[in-house]
Structures are given as structure tokens and as C-alpha cells.
N, C-alpha and C. Protein backbone atom coordinates (compact mmCIF):
# COMPACT_ATOMS: atom_id res chain seq x y z
N MET A 1 -14.68 102.19 -4.09
CA MET A 1 -15.57 102.09 -5.21
C MET A 1 -16.86 102.79 -4.83
N TRP A 2 -17.36 103.65 -5.74
CA TRP A 2 -18.61 104.34 -5.51
C TRP A 2 -19.43 104.30 -6.78
N ILE A 3 -20.70 103.94 -6.67
CA ILE A 3 -21.58 103.88 -7.83
C ILE A 3 -22.86 104.64 -7.52
N GLU A 4 -23.25 105.52 -8.43
CA GLU A 4 -24.51 106.24 -8.29
C GLU A 4 -25.27 106.06 -9.59
N SER A 5 -26.23 105.16 -9.59
CA SER A 5 -26.89 104.81 -10.84
C SER A 5 -27.94 105.82 -11.26
N SER A 6 -28.44 106.65 -10.36
CA SER A 6 -29.50 107.57 -10.74
C SER A 6 -29.00 108.64 -11.71
N THR A 7 -27.73 108.99 -11.67
CA THR A 7 -27.19 109.99 -12.58
C THR A 7 -26.38 109.35 -13.70
N LYS A 8 -26.35 108.05 -13.74
CA LYS A 8 -25.57 107.32 -14.74
C LYS A 8 -24.08 107.64 -14.64
N SER A 9 -23.62 108.01 -13.46
CA SER A 9 -22.21 108.28 -13.25
C SER A 9 -21.69 107.32 -12.21
N PHE A 10 -20.58 106.66 -12.51
CA PHE A 10 -20.01 105.66 -11.62
C PHE A 10 -18.57 106.03 -11.33
N PHE A 11 -18.12 105.79 -10.12
CA PHE A 11 -16.71 105.96 -9.79
C PHE A 11 -16.18 104.64 -9.26
N ILE A 12 -15.32 104.01 -10.03
CA ILE A 12 -14.74 102.74 -9.64
C ILE A 12 -13.24 102.84 -9.85
N TRP A 13 -12.47 102.54 -8.82
CA TRP A 13 -11.01 102.58 -8.88
C TRP A 13 -10.50 103.94 -9.34
N GLY A 14 -11.21 105.01 -8.98
CA GLY A 14 -10.77 106.34 -9.34
C GLY A 14 -11.15 106.78 -10.74
N LEU A 15 -11.86 105.95 -11.49
CA LEU A 15 -12.31 106.31 -12.83
C LEU A 15 -13.76 106.74 -12.78
N GLU A 16 -14.09 107.80 -13.49
CA GLU A 16 -15.49 108.20 -13.62
C GLU A 16 -16.05 107.47 -14.83
N LEU A 17 -17.00 106.59 -14.58
CA LEU A 17 -17.58 105.79 -15.66
C LEU A 17 -18.91 106.40 -16.09
N GLU A 18 -19.06 106.65 -17.38
CA GLU A 18 -20.33 107.13 -17.89
C GLU A 18 -21.30 105.98 -18.06
N SER A 19 -20.79 104.81 -18.22
CA SER A 19 -21.57 103.57 -18.24
C SER A 19 -20.60 102.50 -17.77
N LEU A 20 -21.01 101.26 -17.78
CA LEU A 20 -20.10 100.21 -17.33
C LEU A 20 -19.05 99.86 -18.36
N SER A 21 -19.08 100.51 -19.55
CA SER A 21 -18.05 100.23 -20.55
C SER A 21 -17.31 101.47 -21.02
N CYS A 22 -17.69 102.65 -20.55
CA CYS A 22 -17.00 103.89 -20.93
C CYS A 22 -16.57 104.63 -19.68
N ALA A 23 -15.35 105.16 -19.71
CA ALA A 23 -14.80 105.84 -18.53
C ALA A 23 -14.16 107.14 -18.97
N LYS A 24 -13.97 108.06 -18.01
CA LYS A 24 -13.20 109.27 -18.24
C LYS A 24 -11.91 109.17 -17.46
N VAL A 25 -10.80 109.32 -18.15
CA VAL A 25 -9.49 109.34 -17.52
C VAL A 25 -8.88 110.68 -17.87
N ASN A 26 -8.65 111.53 -16.86
CA ASN A 26 -8.16 112.89 -17.11
C ASN A 26 -9.01 113.60 -18.17
N ASP A 27 -10.33 113.50 -18.03
CA ASP A 27 -11.31 114.12 -18.93
C ASP A 27 -11.29 113.58 -20.36
N VAL A 28 -10.63 112.45 -20.60
CA VAL A 28 -10.64 111.80 -21.90
C VAL A 28 -11.56 110.58 -21.79
N CYS A 29 -12.54 110.49 -22.68
CA CYS A 29 -13.44 109.33 -22.67
C CYS A 29 -12.74 108.14 -23.31
N VAL A 30 -12.77 107.02 -22.62
CA VAL A 30 -12.21 105.78 -23.13
C VAL A 30 -13.25 104.67 -22.97
N CYS A 31 -13.19 103.70 -23.87
CA CYS A 31 -14.05 102.52 -23.76
C CYS A 31 -13.24 101.43 -23.09
N VAL A 32 -13.81 100.81 -22.08
CA VAL A 32 -13.15 99.73 -21.36
C VAL A 32 -13.67 98.42 -21.91
N LYS A 33 -12.75 97.58 -22.41
CA LYS A 33 -13.13 96.31 -23.01
C LYS A 33 -12.44 95.18 -22.26
N PHE A 34 -13.22 94.21 -21.80
CA PHE A 34 -12.67 93.01 -21.17
C PHE A 34 -12.85 91.86 -22.13
N GLY A 35 -11.78 91.13 -22.36
CA GLY A 35 -11.86 89.99 -23.27
C GLY A 35 -11.16 88.78 -22.68
N VAL A 36 -11.81 87.65 -22.76
CA VAL A 36 -11.22 86.41 -22.29
C VAL A 36 -10.19 85.96 -23.32
N CYS A 37 -9.00 85.65 -22.85
CA CYS A 37 -7.91 85.19 -23.72
C CYS A 37 -7.60 86.18 -24.84
N GLY A 38 -7.75 87.47 -24.57
CA GLY A 38 -7.40 88.47 -25.56
C GLY A 38 -8.35 88.57 -26.73
N SER A 39 -9.60 88.23 -26.52
CA SER A 39 -10.61 88.30 -27.58
C SER A 39 -11.60 89.40 -27.25
N TRP A 40 -11.42 90.57 -27.88
CA TRP A 40 -12.30 91.70 -27.63
C TRP A 40 -13.21 91.90 -28.82
N LYS A 41 -14.43 92.37 -28.57
CA LYS A 41 -15.41 92.63 -29.62
C LYS A 41 -15.74 94.13 -29.61
N PHE A 42 -15.91 94.70 -30.82
CA PHE A 42 -16.14 96.12 -30.96
C PHE A 42 -17.40 96.39 -31.76
N ALA A 43 -18.33 97.12 -31.16
CA ALA A 43 -19.53 97.56 -31.86
C ALA A 43 -19.17 98.77 -32.71
N ILE A 44 -19.99 99.08 -33.66
CA ILE A 44 -19.73 100.20 -34.58
C ILE A 44 -19.60 101.52 -33.81
N GLN A 45 -20.28 101.65 -32.67
CA GLN A 45 -20.23 102.89 -31.88
C GLN A 45 -18.85 103.16 -31.29
N VAL A 46 -18.01 102.16 -31.23
CA VAL A 46 -16.68 102.29 -30.62
C VAL A 46 -15.63 102.74 -31.64
N VAL A 47 -15.94 102.63 -32.93
CA VAL A 47 -14.96 102.97 -33.96
C VAL A 47 -14.49 104.41 -33.78
N GLY A 48 -13.17 104.57 -33.78
CA GLY A 48 -12.55 105.88 -33.61
C GLY A 48 -12.21 106.24 -32.18
N LYS A 49 -12.70 105.47 -31.24
CA LYS A 49 -12.48 105.79 -29.83
C LYS A 49 -11.25 105.10 -29.25
N LEU A 50 -10.72 105.70 -28.21
CA LEU A 50 -9.62 105.11 -27.46
C LEU A 50 -10.19 104.05 -26.53
N CYS A 51 -9.56 102.89 -26.50
CA CYS A 51 -10.05 101.78 -25.68
C CYS A 51 -8.97 101.31 -24.71
N VAL A 52 -9.39 100.95 -23.51
CA VAL A 52 -8.53 100.26 -22.56
C VAL A 52 -8.91 98.79 -22.65
N LEU A 53 -7.96 97.96 -23.07
CA LEU A 53 -8.21 96.53 -23.24
C LEU A 53 -7.68 95.78 -22.02
N VAL A 54 -8.50 94.91 -21.47
CA VAL A 54 -8.13 94.12 -20.29
C VAL A 54 -8.40 92.66 -20.59
N THR A 55 -7.47 91.81 -20.18
CA THR A 55 -7.68 90.37 -20.28
C THR A 55 -7.04 89.70 -19.07
N VAL A 56 -7.64 88.61 -18.64
CA VAL A 56 -7.17 87.88 -17.46
C VAL A 56 -7.19 86.39 -17.79
N SER A 57 -6.20 85.67 -17.27
CA SER A 57 -6.16 84.22 -17.45
C SER A 57 -6.10 83.54 -16.08
N ASP A 58 -7.13 82.77 -15.77
CA ASP A 58 -7.10 81.96 -14.53
C ASP A 58 -6.07 80.84 -14.65
N ASP A 59 -5.88 80.33 -15.86
CA ASP A 59 -4.95 79.22 -16.06
C ASP A 59 -3.52 79.60 -15.69
N THR A 60 -3.11 80.81 -16.09
CA THR A 60 -1.73 81.24 -15.84
C THR A 60 -1.62 82.26 -14.71
N SER A 61 -2.75 82.66 -14.14
CA SER A 61 -2.81 83.69 -13.08
C SER A 61 -2.09 84.96 -13.52
N THR A 62 -2.46 85.44 -14.73
CA THR A 62 -1.88 86.66 -15.26
C THR A 62 -2.97 87.59 -15.78
N TYR A 63 -2.60 88.87 -15.96
CA TYR A 63 -3.49 89.85 -16.56
C TYR A 63 -2.68 90.75 -17.48
N SER A 64 -3.37 91.37 -18.42
CA SER A 64 -2.75 92.33 -19.32
C SER A 64 -3.69 93.51 -19.50
N VAL A 65 -3.11 94.70 -19.65
CA VAL A 65 -3.87 95.93 -19.87
C VAL A 65 -3.16 96.70 -20.98
N GLY A 66 -3.91 97.14 -21.98
CA GLY A 66 -3.32 97.89 -23.07
C GLY A 66 -4.23 98.99 -23.57
N LEU A 67 -3.66 99.92 -24.34
CA LEU A 67 -4.41 101.00 -24.97
C LEU A 67 -4.49 100.73 -26.46
N PHE A 68 -5.65 101.05 -27.04
CA PHE A 68 -5.90 100.73 -28.43
C PHE A 68 -6.87 101.74 -29.01
N ARG A 69 -6.57 102.26 -30.19
CA ARG A 69 -7.50 103.15 -30.90
C ARG A 69 -8.25 102.29 -31.92
N ALA A 70 -9.56 102.21 -31.77
CA ALA A 70 -10.39 101.32 -32.60
C ALA A 70 -10.74 101.99 -33.93
N ILE A 71 -9.76 102.08 -34.82
CA ILE A 71 -10.01 102.65 -36.13
C ILE A 71 -10.31 101.53 -37.13
N PRO A 72 -11.01 101.83 -38.21
CA PRO A 72 -11.42 100.78 -39.14
C PRO A 72 -10.28 99.90 -39.64
N GLU A 73 -9.09 100.48 -39.83
CA GLU A 73 -7.96 99.70 -40.32
C GLU A 73 -7.49 98.64 -39.32
N TYR A 74 -7.85 98.81 -38.04
CA TYR A 74 -7.36 97.92 -36.98
C TYR A 74 -8.39 96.92 -36.49
N ILE A 75 -9.63 97.09 -36.90
CA ILE A 75 -10.64 96.10 -36.51
C ILE A 75 -11.10 95.37 -37.76
N GLY A 76 -11.45 94.13 -37.60
CA GLY A 76 -11.80 93.30 -38.75
C GLY A 76 -12.95 93.88 -39.54
N SER A 77 -12.96 93.60 -40.83
CA SER A 77 -14.03 94.09 -41.69
C SER A 77 -15.25 93.18 -41.64
N LYS A 78 -15.08 91.96 -41.17
CA LYS A 78 -16.20 91.03 -41.10
C LYS A 78 -16.85 91.08 -39.73
N GLN A 79 -18.17 91.04 -39.73
CA GLN A 79 -18.90 90.98 -38.47
C GLN A 79 -18.79 89.57 -37.92
N ARG A 80 -18.32 89.46 -36.68
CA ARG A 80 -18.06 88.15 -36.09
C ARG A 80 -19.23 87.59 -35.29
N THR A 81 -20.20 88.42 -34.98
CA THR A 81 -21.34 87.94 -34.19
C THR A 81 -22.62 88.44 -34.84
N ASP A 82 -23.73 87.92 -34.37
CA ASP A 82 -25.01 88.36 -34.92
C ASP A 82 -25.36 89.78 -34.49
N LYS A 83 -24.63 90.34 -33.55
CA LYS A 83 -24.89 91.71 -33.11
C LYS A 83 -24.01 92.71 -33.85
N GLY A 84 -23.29 92.26 -34.86
CA GLY A 84 -22.50 93.15 -35.69
C GLY A 84 -21.19 93.61 -35.09
N LYS A 85 -20.69 92.91 -34.11
CA LYS A 85 -19.42 93.31 -33.49
C LYS A 85 -18.25 92.73 -34.26
N ARG A 86 -17.13 93.43 -34.18
CA ARG A 86 -15.94 93.03 -34.91
C ARG A 86 -14.79 92.79 -33.95
N SER A 87 -13.80 92.03 -34.41
CA SER A 87 -12.61 91.71 -33.61
C SER A 87 -11.44 92.55 -34.10
N ILE A 88 -10.36 92.57 -33.31
CA ILE A 88 -9.14 93.26 -33.71
C ILE A 88 -8.46 92.44 -34.81
N SER A 89 -8.02 93.14 -35.85
CA SER A 89 -7.31 92.46 -36.95
C SER A 89 -5.87 92.14 -36.53
N LYS A 90 -5.18 91.38 -37.34
CA LYS A 90 -3.78 91.04 -37.07
C LYS A 90 -2.93 92.31 -37.01
N VAL A 91 -3.19 93.23 -37.92
CA VAL A 91 -2.47 94.52 -37.91
C VAL A 91 -2.82 95.31 -36.64
N GLY A 92 -4.11 95.29 -36.28
CA GLY A 92 -4.55 95.99 -35.08
C GLY A 92 -3.89 95.47 -33.82
N ARG A 93 -3.70 94.15 -33.72
CA ARG A 93 -3.05 93.56 -32.53
C ARG A 93 -1.63 94.10 -32.36
N GLN A 94 -0.98 94.42 -33.46
CA GLN A 94 0.37 94.99 -33.39
C GLN A 94 0.35 96.45 -32.93
N ARG A 95 -0.83 97.07 -32.95
CA ARG A 95 -0.96 98.48 -32.57
C ARG A 95 -1.42 98.68 -31.13
N ILE A 96 -1.58 97.61 -30.37
CA ILE A 96 -1.94 97.75 -28.95
C ILE A 96 -0.70 98.20 -28.20
N ASP A 97 -0.83 99.28 -27.44
CA ASP A 97 0.25 99.76 -26.57
C ASP A 97 0.02 99.16 -25.19
N TRP A 98 0.83 98.17 -24.83
CA TRP A 98 0.63 97.45 -23.58
C TRP A 98 1.17 98.24 -22.40
N ILE A 99 0.32 98.44 -21.40
CA ILE A 99 0.73 99.05 -20.13
C ILE A 99 1.33 97.97 -19.24
N SER A 100 0.68 96.84 -19.21
CA SER A 100 1.22 95.66 -18.52
C SER A 100 0.85 94.46 -19.38
N MET A 101 1.76 93.50 -19.42
CA MET A 101 1.50 92.32 -20.24
C MET A 101 1.90 91.07 -19.47
N ASN A 102 0.91 90.21 -19.26
CA ASN A 102 1.12 88.94 -18.55
C ASN A 102 1.73 89.14 -17.17
N ASP A 103 1.28 90.20 -16.47
CA ASP A 103 1.72 90.41 -15.09
C ASP A 103 0.99 89.42 -14.19
N LYS A 104 1.64 89.06 -13.10
CA LYS A 104 1.12 88.02 -12.20
C LYS A 104 -0.03 88.52 -11.33
N LEU A 105 -0.98 87.64 -11.12
CA LEU A 105 -2.10 87.82 -10.20
C LEU A 105 -1.99 86.76 -9.12
N PRO A 106 -2.61 87.00 -7.95
CA PRO A 106 -2.70 85.90 -6.99
C PRO A 106 -3.49 84.75 -7.62
N VAL A 107 -3.11 83.55 -7.32
CA VAL A 107 -3.77 82.38 -7.91
C VAL A 107 -5.23 82.33 -7.46
N ASN A 108 -6.13 82.16 -8.41
CA ASN A 108 -7.54 81.94 -8.13
C ASN A 108 -7.68 80.44 -7.88
N PHE A 109 -7.82 80.06 -6.64
CA PHE A 109 -7.76 78.63 -6.30
C PHE A 109 -8.95 77.85 -6.83
N LEU A 110 -10.10 78.49 -7.03
CA LEU A 110 -11.32 77.76 -7.38
C LEU A 110 -11.22 76.98 -8.70
N PRO A 111 -10.72 77.56 -9.79
CA PRO A 111 -10.67 76.77 -11.02
C PRO A 111 -9.72 75.58 -10.95
N HIS A 112 -8.80 75.59 -9.99
CA HIS A 112 -7.80 74.53 -9.91
C HIS A 112 -8.22 73.40 -8.96
N GLN A 113 -9.40 73.51 -8.38
CA GLN A 113 -9.90 72.47 -7.50
C GLN A 113 -10.52 71.35 -8.33
N ILE A 114 -10.54 70.14 -7.75
CA ILE A 114 -11.21 69.06 -8.46
C ILE A 114 -12.71 69.34 -8.47
N GLU A 115 -13.40 68.82 -9.46
CA GLU A 115 -14.81 69.13 -9.68
C GLU A 115 -15.67 68.89 -8.45
N GLU A 116 -15.44 67.79 -7.75
CA GLU A 116 -16.26 67.47 -6.57
C GLU A 116 -16.11 68.54 -5.49
N ALA A 117 -14.88 68.96 -5.21
CA ALA A 117 -14.64 69.98 -4.19
C ALA A 117 -15.23 71.32 -4.62
N ARG A 118 -15.10 71.68 -5.89
CA ARG A 118 -15.65 72.94 -6.40
C ARG A 118 -17.17 72.94 -6.29
N SER A 119 -17.81 71.84 -6.62
CA SER A 119 -19.26 71.74 -6.53
C SER A 119 -19.74 71.91 -5.09
N ARG A 120 -19.01 71.31 -4.15
CA ARG A 120 -19.40 71.46 -2.73
C ARG A 120 -19.23 72.91 -2.28
N LEU A 121 -18.17 73.55 -2.69
CA LEU A 121 -17.94 74.94 -2.32
C LEU A 121 -19.02 75.86 -2.88
N LEU A 122 -19.38 75.67 -4.13
CA LEU A 122 -20.36 76.54 -4.77
C LEU A 122 -21.79 76.25 -4.33
N ALA A 123 -22.03 75.12 -3.71
CA ALA A 123 -23.37 74.76 -3.25
C ALA A 123 -23.78 75.56 -2.03
N HIS A 124 -22.83 76.19 -1.35
CA HIS A 124 -23.16 76.93 -0.12
C HIS A 124 -23.51 78.34 -0.40
């Protein structure tokens, strides 16, 4: 991983990032979106762009990665937040091309610890 903030160019995992949410893959600009439980939000600036969607579940120790074109027909018409972001519509969810879906991750032991043990661990 290499990051150079003075030029606004980042290299992480072999991707050239123009910002922390946009990357170049084979000279194609893509927006990288991380959503908890498959809930991604899209600002108006993302409409029309190719997106890499990522989601992770600590509960099931799985992750998913998909490609999605954020066109108006695929993102909700209603603004879901006060910042004017929109969610993927039901039709749009059917248009995600999954690269990996619910693939296994190593178990993140911290969320599965009892509260007392987790509190002691995080106190250090």
C-alpha cells in the first residue's frame, strides 16, 4: 500500500485512487462504495459512473464485491438522507454484477467476545 497525499494520488492494493472513493482500474475511473449489510448511498456526482460495491458482515464472516453502473433508473428517486444521497432501487439490485458473493473471511473475533472481555481489550 502506498499513499501520497500531496498529489491527491493514492495506490492501495494496486489501484490508483484519485480520492478515497474513486479509483482507476486499467485507466477506467470507478467509484468505490462500501456499505454495511449491502446498503450503499449515491450522491448525484456518482450518477452514470461505474461503481465497485463492497460489503462485509462480521456476523457471518463474509464479504461481497460487485460492479454496478449508477444510472438514474437503478438508484432510488427519493433522497434518503439530508445530504441528498440515494439508495439502489429494487431493479438496480438485480443489475449488480457480483464478482464474489458471500465469500468467507477469517473470523473477526472481537465482535464475538462478551462485552466485559471486549471492553478490557479495547481499554489498552
